[in-house]
N, C-alpha and C. Protein backbone atom coordinates (compact mmCIF):
# COMPACT_ATOMS: atom_id res chain seq x y z
N MET A 1 -24.66 -80.38 -28.76
CA MET A 1 -24.03 -80.75 -27.49
C MET A 1 -23.17 -82.00 -27.69
N ARG A 2 -21.94 -81.94 -27.23
CA ARG A 2 -21.04 -83.08 -27.38
C ARG A 2 -21.09 -83.93 -26.11
N VAL A 3 -21.10 -85.27 -26.31
CA VAL A 3 -21.22 -86.21 -25.19
C VAL A 3 -19.91 -86.98 -25.04
N LEU A 4 -19.33 -86.97 -23.84
CA LEU A 4 -18.11 -87.72 -23.54
C LEU A 4 -18.50 -89.08 -22.97
N LEU A 5 -18.20 -90.16 -23.72
CA LEU A 5 -18.61 -91.51 -23.30
C LEU A 5 -17.60 -92.15 -22.37
N LEU A 6 -16.35 -91.68 -22.33
CA LEU A 6 -15.30 -92.31 -21.50
C LEU A 6 -15.12 -91.49 -20.23
N LEU A 7 -15.14 -92.20 -19.10
CA LEU A 7 -14.85 -91.55 -17.82
C LEU A 7 -13.36 -91.56 -17.62
N VAL A 8 -12.78 -90.41 -17.32
CA VAL A 8 -11.35 -90.29 -17.17
C VAL A 8 -11.06 -89.89 -15.73
N THR A 9 -10.21 -90.66 -15.07
CA THR A 9 -9.78 -90.30 -13.70
C THR A 9 -8.39 -89.71 -13.79
N ALA A 10 -7.39 -90.44 -13.29
CA ALA A 10 -6.02 -89.93 -13.37
C ALA A 10 -5.50 -90.04 -14.78
N SER A 11 -5.70 -91.20 -15.41
CA SER A 11 -5.26 -91.40 -16.79
C SER A 11 -6.08 -92.51 -17.39
N VAL A 12 -6.11 -92.60 -18.76
CA VAL A 12 -6.92 -93.59 -19.46
C VAL A 12 -6.00 -94.29 -20.46
N LEU A 13 -6.08 -95.64 -20.50
CA LEU A 13 -5.33 -96.42 -21.47
C LEU A 13 -6.26 -96.70 -22.64
N VAL A 14 -5.95 -96.11 -23.80
CA VAL A 14 -6.84 -96.18 -24.95
C VAL A 14 -6.20 -97.05 -26.00
N PHE A 15 -6.97 -97.97 -26.61
CA PHE A 15 -6.47 -98.87 -27.64
C PHE A 15 -6.78 -98.29 -29.01
N ALA A 16 -5.76 -98.19 -29.85
CA ALA A 16 -5.94 -97.67 -31.20
C ALA A 16 -6.45 -98.77 -32.10
N SER A 17 -7.23 -98.43 -33.06
CA SER A 17 -7.77 -99.41 -33.99
C SER A 17 -6.75 -99.81 -35.03
N CYS A 18 -5.76 -99.00 -35.30
CA CYS A 18 -4.80 -99.35 -36.33
C CYS A 18 -3.43 -98.78 -35.99
N GLY A 19 -2.98 -98.89 -34.76
CA GLY A 19 -1.68 -98.36 -34.37
C GLY A 19 -1.30 -98.84 -33.00
N PRO A 20 -0.17 -98.42 -32.48
CA PRO A 20 0.29 -98.86 -31.16
C PRO A 20 -0.55 -98.27 -30.04
N VAL A 21 -0.44 -98.89 -28.86
CA VAL A 21 -1.20 -98.43 -27.70
C VAL A 21 -0.53 -97.18 -27.14
N LYS A 22 -1.32 -96.20 -26.72
CA LYS A 22 -0.77 -94.98 -26.17
C LYS A 22 -1.58 -94.58 -24.94
N GLN A 23 -0.87 -94.17 -23.88
CA GLN A 23 -1.54 -93.74 -22.66
C GLN A 23 -1.71 -92.23 -22.72
N VAL A 24 -2.93 -91.78 -22.52
CA VAL A 24 -3.20 -90.34 -22.60
C VAL A 24 -3.88 -89.89 -21.33
N GLY A 25 -3.67 -88.61 -20.96
CA GLY A 25 -4.34 -88.04 -19.80
C GLY A 25 -5.64 -87.38 -20.19
N LYS A 26 -6.33 -86.83 -19.17
CA LYS A 26 -7.64 -86.22 -19.42
C LYS A 26 -7.54 -85.02 -20.34
N ASP A 27 -6.52 -84.19 -20.14
CA ASP A 27 -6.39 -82.99 -20.99
C ASP A 27 -6.17 -83.39 -22.44
N SER A 28 -5.29 -84.37 -22.66
CA SER A 28 -5.05 -84.80 -24.03
C SER A 28 -6.31 -85.38 -24.64
N LEU A 29 -7.10 -86.14 -23.83
CA LEU A 29 -8.34 -86.73 -24.35
C LEU A 29 -9.33 -85.65 -24.73
N ASP A 30 -9.41 -84.58 -23.93
CA ASP A 30 -10.32 -83.48 -24.26
C ASP A 30 -9.94 -82.86 -25.59
N CYS A 31 -8.62 -82.72 -25.81
CA CYS A 31 -8.19 -82.14 -27.07
C CYS A 31 -8.60 -83.02 -28.24
N MET A 32 -8.45 -84.37 -28.03
CA MET A 32 -8.78 -85.28 -29.13
C MET A 32 -10.28 -85.29 -29.37
N LEU A 33 -11.08 -85.17 -28.30
CA LEU A 33 -12.53 -85.18 -28.47
C LEU A 33 -13.00 -83.98 -29.31
N TYR A 34 -12.34 -82.86 -29.12
CA TYR A 34 -12.77 -81.67 -29.83
C TYR A 34 -11.95 -81.37 -31.06
N GLY A 35 -11.08 -82.31 -31.46
CA GLY A 35 -10.34 -82.16 -32.69
C GLY A 35 -9.24 -81.14 -32.65
N ASP A 36 -8.85 -80.69 -31.44
CA ASP A 36 -7.78 -79.71 -31.35
C ASP A 36 -6.42 -80.39 -31.49
N ARG A 37 -5.37 -79.62 -31.74
CA ARG A 37 -3.98 -80.11 -31.77
C ARG A 37 -3.38 -79.84 -30.39
N CYS A 38 -2.96 -80.92 -29.75
CA CYS A 38 -2.46 -80.81 -28.38
C CYS A 38 -0.95 -80.94 -28.34
N ASN A 39 -0.30 -79.97 -27.72
CA ASN A 39 1.15 -80.03 -27.50
C ASN A 39 1.92 -80.33 -28.78
N GLY A 40 1.48 -79.79 -29.90
CA GLY A 40 2.21 -79.98 -31.15
C GLY A 40 1.89 -81.27 -31.87
N GLU A 41 1.00 -82.15 -31.31
CA GLU A 41 0.68 -83.39 -31.99
C GLU A 41 -0.28 -83.10 -33.14
N THR A 42 -0.23 -83.87 -34.16
CA THR A 42 -1.07 -83.66 -35.34
C THR A 42 -1.97 -84.84 -35.56
N ASP A 43 -3.15 -84.57 -36.06
CA ASP A 43 -4.10 -85.61 -36.48
C ASP A 43 -4.36 -86.61 -35.39
N THR A 44 -4.52 -86.14 -34.15
CA THR A 44 -4.83 -87.05 -33.04
C THR A 44 -6.19 -86.62 -32.48
N LYS A 45 -7.24 -87.40 -32.78
CA LYS A 45 -8.59 -87.06 -32.33
C LYS A 45 -9.46 -88.31 -32.36
N LEU A 46 -10.61 -88.19 -31.70
CA LEU A 46 -11.58 -89.28 -31.73
C LEU A 46 -12.26 -89.31 -33.08
N THR A 47 -12.54 -90.50 -33.57
CA THR A 47 -13.30 -90.63 -34.82
C THR A 47 -14.74 -90.92 -34.48
N SER A 48 -15.63 -90.53 -35.34
CA SER A 48 -17.07 -90.71 -35.13
C SER A 48 -17.58 -91.82 -36.03
N ASP A 49 -18.47 -92.67 -35.43
CA ASP A 49 -19.12 -93.70 -36.23
C ASP A 49 -20.12 -93.06 -37.20
N SER A 50 -20.87 -92.09 -36.68
CA SER A 50 -21.85 -91.42 -37.54
C SER A 50 -22.22 -90.09 -36.90
N GLY A 51 -22.44 -89.11 -37.70
CA GLY A 51 -22.86 -87.81 -37.21
C GLY A 51 -21.83 -87.21 -36.29
N ASN A 52 -22.34 -86.56 -35.21
CA ASN A 52 -21.47 -85.91 -34.24
C ASN A 52 -21.18 -86.78 -33.03
N LYS A 53 -21.64 -88.03 -33.05
CA LYS A 53 -21.45 -88.91 -31.88
C LYS A 53 -20.03 -89.47 -31.91
N PRO A 54 -19.28 -89.19 -30.89
CA PRO A 54 -17.90 -89.73 -30.88
C PRO A 54 -17.90 -91.23 -30.56
N SER A 55 -16.89 -91.96 -31.08
CA SER A 55 -16.76 -93.40 -30.80
C SER A 55 -15.75 -93.60 -29.66
N ASP A 56 -15.54 -94.86 -29.25
CA ASP A 56 -14.57 -95.16 -28.19
C ASP A 56 -13.23 -95.59 -28.76
N THR A 57 -12.91 -95.23 -29.99
CA THR A 57 -11.65 -95.60 -30.63
C THR A 57 -10.81 -94.34 -30.85
N VAL A 58 -9.52 -94.43 -30.50
CA VAL A 58 -8.63 -93.30 -30.64
C VAL A 58 -7.53 -93.67 -31.61
N GLU A 59 -7.31 -92.85 -32.58
CA GLU A 59 -6.22 -93.07 -33.51
C GLU A 59 -4.97 -92.36 -33.00
N VAL A 60 -3.83 -93.07 -32.99
CA VAL A 60 -2.58 -92.53 -32.49
C VAL A 60 -1.57 -92.48 -33.62
N GLY A 61 -0.89 -91.37 -33.77
CA GLY A 61 0.08 -91.22 -34.83
C GLY A 61 1.34 -92.05 -34.59
N PRO A 62 2.23 -92.13 -35.56
CA PRO A 62 3.48 -92.91 -35.42
C PRO A 62 4.40 -92.31 -34.36
N THR A 63 5.27 -93.16 -33.81
CA THR A 63 6.24 -92.73 -32.80
C THR A 63 7.27 -91.81 -33.43
N GLY A 64 7.59 -90.74 -32.75
CA GLY A 64 8.56 -89.79 -33.27
C GLY A 64 9.98 -90.32 -33.20
N PRO A 65 10.91 -89.64 -33.83
CA PRO A 65 12.32 -90.08 -33.82
C PRO A 65 12.93 -89.96 -32.42
N LYS A 66 13.98 -90.77 -32.20
CA LYS A 66 14.68 -90.76 -30.91
C LYS A 66 15.37 -89.43 -30.69
N GLY A 67 15.27 -88.94 -29.47
CA GLY A 67 15.87 -87.65 -29.16
C GLY A 67 17.39 -87.70 -29.13
N ASP A 68 18.02 -86.52 -29.10
CA ASP A 68 19.48 -86.45 -29.08
C ASP A 68 20.03 -86.95 -27.75
N LYS A 69 21.28 -87.42 -27.78
CA LYS A 69 21.96 -87.90 -26.59
C LYS A 69 22.22 -86.73 -25.65
N GLY A 70 21.97 -86.96 -24.35
CA GLY A 70 22.17 -85.91 -23.37
C GLY A 70 23.65 -85.61 -23.14
N ASP A 71 23.91 -84.51 -22.44
CA ASP A 71 25.29 -84.11 -22.13
C ASP A 71 25.92 -85.09 -21.15
N GLN A 72 27.24 -85.25 -21.24
CA GLN A 72 27.98 -86.12 -20.33
C GLN A 72 27.95 -85.54 -18.92
N GLY A 73 27.77 -86.44 -17.94
CA GLY A 73 27.72 -86.01 -16.55
C GLY A 73 29.08 -85.60 -16.02
N ASP A 74 29.09 -85.01 -14.84
CA ASP A 74 30.33 -84.55 -14.22
C ASP A 74 31.20 -85.75 -13.83
N THR A 75 32.51 -85.54 -13.87
CA THR A 75 33.45 -86.58 -13.47
C THR A 75 33.36 -86.84 -11.98
N GLY A 76 33.30 -88.11 -11.59
CA GLY A 76 33.19 -88.46 -10.19
C GLY A 76 34.50 -88.21 -9.45
N SER A 77 34.41 -88.20 -8.13
CA SER A 77 35.60 -87.96 -7.32
C SER A 77 36.53 -89.17 -7.37
N SER A 78 37.81 -88.94 -7.21
CA SER A 78 38.80 -90.01 -7.28
C SER A 78 38.63 -90.97 -6.12
N GLY A 79 38.82 -92.27 -6.42
CA GLY A 79 38.75 -93.28 -5.37
C GLY A 79 40.07 -93.37 -4.62
N SER A 80 40.12 -94.24 -3.62
CA SER A 80 41.33 -94.43 -2.84
C SER A 80 41.96 -95.77 -3.19
N SER A 81 43.29 -95.86 -3.11
CA SER A 81 44.00 -97.11 -3.38
C SER A 81 44.48 -97.71 -2.08
N CYS A 82 44.68 -99.04 -2.10
CA CYS A 82 45.10 -99.76 -0.89
C CYS A 82 46.32 -100.60 -1.19
N SER A 83 47.13 -100.86 -0.17
CA SER A 83 48.33 -101.70 -0.27
C SER A 83 48.35 -102.66 0.92
N VAL A 84 49.24 -103.68 0.80
CA VAL A 84 49.37 -104.69 1.85
C VAL A 84 50.81 -104.75 2.31
N ARG A 85 51.04 -104.85 3.63
CA ARG A 85 52.38 -105.02 4.17
C ARG A 85 52.34 -106.05 5.30
N SER A 86 53.47 -106.75 5.46
CA SER A 86 53.57 -107.77 6.49
C SER A 86 53.81 -107.13 7.84
N ILE A 87 53.16 -107.66 8.86
CA ILE A 87 53.37 -107.22 10.24
C ILE A 87 53.49 -108.46 11.10
N PRO A 88 54.04 -108.38 12.30
CA PRO A 88 54.13 -109.56 13.17
C PRO A 88 52.75 -110.18 13.40
N GLY A 89 52.64 -111.46 13.06
CA GLY A 89 51.38 -112.17 13.29
C GLY A 89 50.38 -112.07 12.17
N GLY A 90 50.71 -111.40 11.06
CA GLY A 90 49.74 -111.31 9.97
C GLY A 90 50.12 -110.26 8.94
N SER A 91 49.10 -109.62 8.35
CA SER A 91 49.31 -108.60 7.32
C SER A 91 48.35 -107.43 7.58
N GLU A 92 48.76 -106.24 7.13
CA GLU A 92 47.92 -105.05 7.26
C GLU A 92 47.57 -104.51 5.88
N ILE A 93 46.29 -104.25 5.68
CA ILE A 93 45.82 -103.60 4.45
C ILE A 93 45.56 -102.14 4.80
N TYR A 94 46.30 -101.20 4.18
CA TYR A 94 46.14 -99.79 4.49
C TYR A 94 45.84 -99.02 3.20
N CYS A 95 44.98 -98.00 3.32
CA CYS A 95 44.49 -97.26 2.15
C CYS A 95 44.83 -95.78 2.27
N THR A 96 44.81 -95.10 1.12
CA THR A 96 45.15 -93.68 1.09
C THR A 96 44.11 -92.81 1.77
N ASP A 97 42.91 -93.35 1.99
CA ASP A 97 41.89 -92.55 2.68
C ASP A 97 42.02 -92.64 4.19
N GLY A 98 43.08 -93.32 4.67
CA GLY A 98 43.33 -93.40 6.10
C GLY A 98 42.79 -94.64 6.77
N THR A 99 42.01 -95.44 6.07
CA THR A 99 41.47 -96.65 6.66
C THR A 99 42.47 -97.80 6.54
N SER A 100 42.35 -98.79 7.42
CA SER A 100 43.23 -99.95 7.39
C SER A 100 42.52 -101.13 8.04
N SER A 101 43.06 -102.31 7.76
CA SER A 101 42.50 -103.54 8.32
C SER A 101 43.63 -104.54 8.49
N ILE A 102 43.60 -105.32 9.58
CA ILE A 102 44.63 -106.29 9.88
C ILE A 102 44.06 -107.70 9.70
N VAL A 103 44.80 -108.54 8.96
CA VAL A 103 44.43 -109.94 8.74
C VAL A 103 45.46 -110.79 9.48
N SER A 104 45.02 -111.51 10.51
CA SER A 104 45.92 -112.32 11.33
C SER A 104 46.23 -113.65 10.65
N ASN A 105 47.45 -114.16 10.91
CA ASN A 105 47.81 -115.48 10.40
C ASN A 105 46.96 -116.54 11.07
N GLY A 106 46.63 -117.59 10.31
CA GLY A 106 45.89 -118.70 10.88
C GLY A 106 46.80 -119.61 11.69
N SER A 107 46.22 -120.46 12.51
CA SER A 107 46.98 -121.42 13.31
C SER A 107 46.84 -122.81 12.71
N ASN A 108 47.84 -123.65 12.98
CA ASN A 108 47.81 -125.03 12.47
C ASN A 108 46.66 -125.80 13.11
N GLY A 109 45.98 -126.57 12.30
CA GLY A 109 44.91 -127.41 12.81
C GLY A 109 45.46 -128.68 13.47
N GLN A 110 44.59 -129.46 14.08
CA GLN A 110 45.00 -130.71 14.71
C GLN A 110 45.34 -131.75 13.65
N ASP A 111 46.30 -132.61 14.01
CA ASP A 111 46.68 -133.68 13.09
C ASP A 111 45.50 -134.63 12.88
N GLY A 112 45.36 -135.06 11.64
CA GLY A 112 44.32 -136.02 11.33
C GLY A 112 44.67 -137.41 11.82
N GLN A 113 43.70 -138.31 11.76
CA GLN A 113 43.91 -139.69 12.20
C GLN A 113 44.85 -140.41 11.23
N ASP A 114 45.72 -141.24 11.79
CA ASP A 114 46.65 -142.00 10.96
C ASP A 114 45.89 -142.92 9.99
N GLY A 115 46.38 -142.98 8.78
CA GLY A 115 45.79 -143.88 7.80
C GLY A 115 46.16 -145.33 8.07
N ALA A 116 45.49 -146.22 7.39
CA ALA A 116 45.76 -147.66 7.54
C ALA A 116 47.12 -148.00 6.95
N ASP A 117 47.77 -149.01 7.55
CA ASP A 117 49.07 -149.45 7.03
C ASP A 117 48.92 -150.01 5.63
N GLY A 118 49.88 -149.69 4.79
CA GLY A 118 49.87 -150.23 3.44
C GLY A 118 50.39 -151.66 3.43
N THR A 119 50.32 -152.29 2.28
CA THR A 119 50.81 -153.67 2.15
C THR A 119 52.34 -153.67 2.18
N ASP A 120 52.90 -154.76 2.70
CA ASP A 120 54.35 -154.87 2.78
C ASP A 120 54.96 -154.89 1.38
N GLY A 121 56.08 -154.23 1.27
CA GLY A 121 56.77 -154.22 -0.01
C GLY A 121 57.55 -155.51 -0.24
N GLN A 122 58.03 -155.67 -1.43
CA GLN A 122 58.80 -156.86 -1.79
C GLN A 122 60.15 -156.85 -1.10
N ASP A 123 60.58 -158.04 -0.64
CA ASP A 123 61.88 -158.13 0.04
C ASP A 123 63.00 -157.72 -0.91
N GLY A 124 63.96 -157.00 -0.35
CA GLY A 124 65.10 -156.61 -1.14
C GLY A 124 66.11 -157.75 -1.27
N GLN A 125 67.10 -157.54 -2.09
CA GLN A 125 68.13 -158.55 -2.29
C GLN A 125 69.06 -158.60 -1.08
N ASP A 126 69.56 -159.80 -0.79
CA ASP A 126 70.51 -159.96 0.31
C ASP A 126 71.81 -159.21 -0.02
N ALA A 127 72.36 -158.60 1.02
CA ALA A 127 73.63 -157.91 0.85
C ALA A 127 74.74 -158.94 0.62
N PRO A 128 75.77 -158.57 -0.10
CA PRO A 128 76.88 -159.51 -0.29
C PRO A 128 77.55 -159.83 1.04
N GLN A 129 78.02 -161.05 1.16
CA GLN A 129 78.61 -161.52 2.41
C GLN A 129 79.97 -160.86 2.66
N GLY A 130 80.16 -160.37 3.87
CA GLY A 130 81.43 -159.76 4.23
C GLY A 130 82.45 -160.80 4.67
N PRO A 131 83.71 -160.44 4.72
CA PRO A 131 84.75 -161.41 5.09
C PRO A 131 84.64 -161.92 6.53
N LEU A 132 84.04 -161.14 7.42
CA LEU A 132 83.93 -161.56 8.82
C LEU A 132 82.52 -161.99 9.19
N ASP A 133 81.62 -162.06 8.19
CA ASP A 133 80.27 -162.57 8.45
C ASP A 133 80.33 -164.07 8.70
N ILE A 134 79.41 -164.58 9.52
CA ILE A 134 79.34 -166.03 9.76
C ILE A 134 78.70 -166.69 8.54
N ALA A 135 79.46 -167.49 7.84
CA ALA A 135 78.98 -168.16 6.64
C ALA A 135 78.37 -169.52 6.94
N GLU A 136 78.86 -170.18 8.02
CA GLU A 136 78.38 -171.53 8.30
C GLU A 136 78.68 -171.88 9.76
N ILE A 137 77.78 -172.66 10.39
CA ILE A 137 78.01 -173.21 11.72
C ILE A 137 78.28 -174.71 11.56
N ILE A 138 79.43 -175.14 12.05
CA ILE A 138 79.86 -176.54 11.85
C ILE A 138 79.85 -177.26 13.19
N ASP A 139 79.18 -178.43 13.26
CA ASP A 139 79.14 -179.28 14.46
C ASP A 139 79.99 -180.52 14.17
N PRO A 140 81.23 -180.54 14.65
CA PRO A 140 82.09 -181.70 14.36
C PRO A 140 81.48 -183.00 14.90
N CYS A 141 81.59 -184.05 14.15
CA CYS A 141 81.05 -185.37 14.50
C CYS A 141 79.53 -185.37 14.63
N GLN A 142 78.87 -184.31 14.18
CA GLN A 142 77.41 -184.19 14.23
C GLN A 142 76.92 -184.13 15.68
N ASP A 143 75.60 -184.12 15.83
CA ASP A 143 75.01 -183.90 17.15
C ASP A 143 75.14 -185.13 18.02
N ALA A 144 75.62 -184.96 19.25
CA ALA A 144 75.74 -186.07 20.20
C ALA A 144 74.57 -186.01 21.17
N PRO A 145 73.88 -187.13 21.44
CA PRO A 145 72.71 -187.12 22.32
C PRO A 145 73.08 -186.76 23.76
N GLY A 146 72.25 -185.89 24.35
CA GLY A 146 72.42 -185.53 25.76
C GLY A 146 73.60 -184.64 26.05
N VAL A 147 74.23 -184.08 25.03
CA VAL A 147 75.41 -183.24 25.23
C VAL A 147 75.23 -181.92 24.49
N VAL A 148 75.66 -180.84 25.16
CA VAL A 148 75.67 -179.55 24.46
C VAL A 148 76.95 -179.50 23.64
N ASP A 149 76.81 -179.74 22.33
CA ASP A 149 77.98 -179.85 21.47
C ASP A 149 78.68 -178.51 21.28
N GLU A 150 80.00 -178.59 21.22
CA GLU A 150 80.77 -177.43 20.79
C GLU A 150 80.68 -177.32 19.27
N VAL A 151 80.66 -176.10 18.77
CA VAL A 151 80.54 -175.87 17.33
C VAL A 151 81.67 -174.96 16.87
N LEU A 152 81.90 -174.97 15.58
CA LEU A 152 82.89 -174.11 14.93
C LEU A 152 82.16 -173.09 14.06
N LEU A 153 82.68 -171.88 13.98
CA LEU A 153 82.09 -170.84 13.12
C LEU A 153 83.01 -170.62 11.92
N LYS A 154 82.47 -170.86 10.73
CA LYS A 154 83.23 -170.60 9.51
C LYS A 154 82.85 -169.21 9.00
N LEU A 155 83.84 -168.32 8.85
CA LEU A 155 83.60 -166.94 8.43
C LEU A 155 83.55 -166.83 6.91
N GLY A 156 83.16 -165.64 6.46
CA GLY A 156 83.04 -165.41 5.04
C GLY A 156 84.35 -165.52 4.28
N ASN A 157 85.45 -165.26 4.96
CA ASN A 157 86.75 -165.38 4.28
C ASN A 157 87.34 -166.79 4.37
N GLY A 158 86.55 -167.76 4.92
CA GLY A 158 87.01 -169.15 5.01
C GLY A 158 87.67 -169.51 6.31
N SER A 159 87.94 -168.57 7.20
CA SER A 159 88.60 -168.86 8.47
C SER A 159 87.65 -169.61 9.40
N ILE A 160 88.23 -170.39 10.35
CA ILE A 160 87.47 -171.14 11.34
C ILE A 160 87.65 -170.46 12.69
N LEU A 161 86.55 -169.98 13.27
CA LEU A 161 86.58 -169.27 14.54
C LEU A 161 86.00 -170.17 15.63
N VAL A 162 86.73 -170.28 16.77
CA VAL A 162 86.27 -171.13 17.88
C VAL A 162 86.55 -170.43 19.20
N LEU A 163 85.89 -170.95 20.27
CA LEU A 163 86.24 -170.58 21.63
C LEU A 163 87.29 -171.59 22.09
N PHE A 164 88.51 -171.17 22.13
CA PHE A 164 89.63 -172.09 22.33
C PHE A 164 90.04 -172.09 23.81
N ALA A 165 90.36 -173.29 24.34
CA ALA A 165 90.81 -173.43 25.73
C ALA A 165 92.19 -174.10 25.74
N SER A 166 92.88 -173.88 26.87
CA SER A 166 94.24 -174.42 26.96
C SER A 166 94.24 -175.92 27.20
N ASN A 167 93.18 -176.49 27.80
CA ASN A 167 93.11 -177.93 28.05
C ASN A 167 91.66 -178.38 28.00
N ALA A 168 91.45 -179.67 28.28
CA ALA A 168 90.11 -180.24 28.20
C ALA A 168 89.19 -179.73 29.29
N ASN A 169 89.74 -179.15 30.32
CA ASN A 169 88.92 -178.60 31.41
C ASN A 169 88.41 -177.19 31.08
N GLY A 170 88.76 -176.66 29.92
CA GLY A 170 88.30 -175.33 29.51
C GLY A 170 89.04 -174.20 30.16
N ASN A 171 90.25 -174.44 30.58
CA ASN A 171 91.03 -173.37 31.20
C ASN A 171 91.47 -172.34 30.14
N ASN A 172 91.50 -171.09 30.58
CA ASN A 172 91.98 -169.99 29.73
C ASN A 172 91.23 -169.93 28.39
N PRO A 173 89.88 -169.83 28.42
CA PRO A 173 89.11 -169.78 27.15
C PRO A 173 89.32 -168.44 26.44
N ARG A 174 89.28 -168.49 25.12
CA ARG A 174 89.46 -167.28 24.31
C ARG A 174 89.04 -167.59 22.88
N LEU A 175 88.65 -166.54 22.15
CA LEU A 175 88.33 -166.71 20.73
C LEU A 175 89.63 -166.87 19.96
N ALA A 176 89.60 -167.80 19.01
CA ALA A 176 90.81 -168.04 18.23
C ALA A 176 90.44 -168.50 16.84
N LEU A 177 91.30 -168.20 15.90
CA LEU A 177 91.17 -168.70 14.53
C LEU A 177 92.05 -169.94 14.40
N LEU A 178 91.45 -171.07 14.02
CA LEU A 178 92.18 -172.33 13.89
C LEU A 178 92.79 -172.45 12.50
N GLY A 179 94.08 -172.73 12.47
CA GLY A 179 94.73 -173.01 11.20
C GLY A 179 94.74 -174.50 10.92
N PRO A 180 95.40 -174.95 9.87
CA PRO A 180 95.47 -176.38 9.55
C PRO A 180 96.09 -177.15 10.72
N GLY A 181 95.47 -178.32 11.05
CA GLY A 181 95.98 -179.16 12.13
C GLY A 181 94.92 -180.09 12.64
N ASN A 182 95.27 -180.87 13.72
CA ASN A 182 94.37 -181.83 14.34
C ASN A 182 93.88 -181.28 15.68
N TYR A 183 92.55 -181.46 15.94
CA TYR A 183 91.95 -180.87 17.13
C TYR A 183 90.96 -181.86 17.75
N MET A 184 90.60 -181.59 19.07
CA MET A 184 89.60 -182.39 19.78
C MET A 184 88.70 -181.44 20.56
N THR A 185 87.40 -181.72 20.55
CA THR A 185 86.46 -180.89 21.30
C THR A 185 86.60 -181.15 22.79
N SER A 186 86.15 -180.20 23.62
CA SER A 186 86.22 -180.32 25.08
C SER A 186 84.83 -180.43 25.69
N ASP A 187 83.84 -180.93 24.94
CA ASP A 187 82.46 -181.02 25.41
C ASP A 187 82.11 -182.42 25.93
N THR A 188 83.12 -183.19 26.32
CA THR A 188 83.01 -184.56 26.85
C THR A 188 82.71 -185.59 25.78
N THR A 189 82.51 -185.19 24.53
CA THR A 189 82.31 -186.18 23.47
C THR A 189 83.63 -186.61 22.87
N ASN A 190 84.69 -185.79 23.10
CA ASN A 190 86.02 -186.10 22.57
C ASN A 190 85.98 -186.38 21.07
N CYS A 191 85.38 -185.40 20.34
CA CYS A 191 85.32 -185.51 18.88
C CYS A 191 86.64 -185.02 18.30
N PHE A 192 87.28 -185.88 17.50
CA PHE A 192 88.52 -185.51 16.82
C PHE A 192 88.19 -185.03 15.39
N PHE A 193 88.92 -184.02 14.92
CA PHE A 193 88.73 -183.54 13.55
C PHE A 193 90.01 -182.89 13.07
N THR A 194 90.11 -182.74 11.77
CA THR A 194 91.29 -182.15 11.15
C THR A 194 90.85 -180.97 10.26
N ILE A 195 91.64 -179.92 10.29
CA ILE A 195 91.42 -178.78 9.39
C ILE A 195 92.56 -178.80 8.38
N ASP A 196 92.18 -178.89 7.07
CA ASP A 196 93.23 -178.94 6.06
C ASP A 196 93.63 -177.53 5.63
N SER A 197 94.47 -177.44 4.62
CA SER A 197 94.99 -176.14 4.15
C SER A 197 93.92 -175.28 3.49
N ASN A 198 92.78 -175.87 3.11
CA ASN A 198 91.67 -175.12 2.50
C ASN A 198 90.59 -174.78 3.53
N SER A 199 90.89 -174.96 4.84
CA SER A 199 89.96 -174.71 5.95
C SER A 199 88.76 -175.65 5.92
N ALA A 200 88.92 -176.80 5.28
CA ALA A 200 87.86 -177.80 5.29
C ALA A 200 88.00 -178.69 6.52
N ILE A 201 86.87 -179.12 7.13
CA ILE A 201 86.87 -180.00 8.30
C ILE A 201 86.80 -181.46 7.79
N ILE A 202 87.84 -182.23 8.10
CA ILE A 202 87.89 -183.62 7.64
C ILE A 202 88.24 -184.53 8.82
N ASN A 203 88.14 -185.86 8.59
CA ASN A 203 88.51 -186.88 9.57
C ASN A 203 87.79 -186.69 10.91
N GLN A 204 86.47 -186.45 10.85
CA GLN A 204 85.69 -186.26 12.07
C GLN A 204 85.36 -187.65 12.66
N HIS A 205 85.73 -187.87 13.95
CA HIS A 205 85.41 -189.16 14.59
C HIS A 205 85.58 -189.03 16.08
N TYR A 206 84.91 -189.98 16.79
CA TYR A 206 85.06 -190.03 18.25
C TYR A 206 86.24 -190.88 18.60
């Protein structure tokens, strides 16, 4: 009478004493217990420690060669292609399968906060003086106390510009260019001065 020491349910994981681990089912285990050849396998059976008593060790043969590569599967169905075109307010993505999608243009965001003012730059060079620019303000006989002095304007071209009047009372005032000659102010100080041929103010006195 043969005694089965291993209880087998759905499947049993058996460890080989000198080979890789192999999972076997109940039918395969029965074959190995009785020394039969199962499903074409060779030399796969339980070994006995002594007599007819089977042991709990299963010898498993070497792994067989890798099987042949299977047949190539059927070619899949063709996919659909998509294109993009501009439309008012955005773009449209349309595909050959009839589907489409519209992407709207974005709107401008709010202006950010103004940054801090930078440091002042270096002053530029002064522009060259023009011929009619005021080059100098001249106060004949210098400043007189308690009187609003009349002054002369010397232009960039050397000319002397004044508010000229016909008499000491300031009648008929007008802008005029003074040439060489002797003159007197009408500001009650009665300052006398002379303009020479080089437009220089000389002989200033009360």
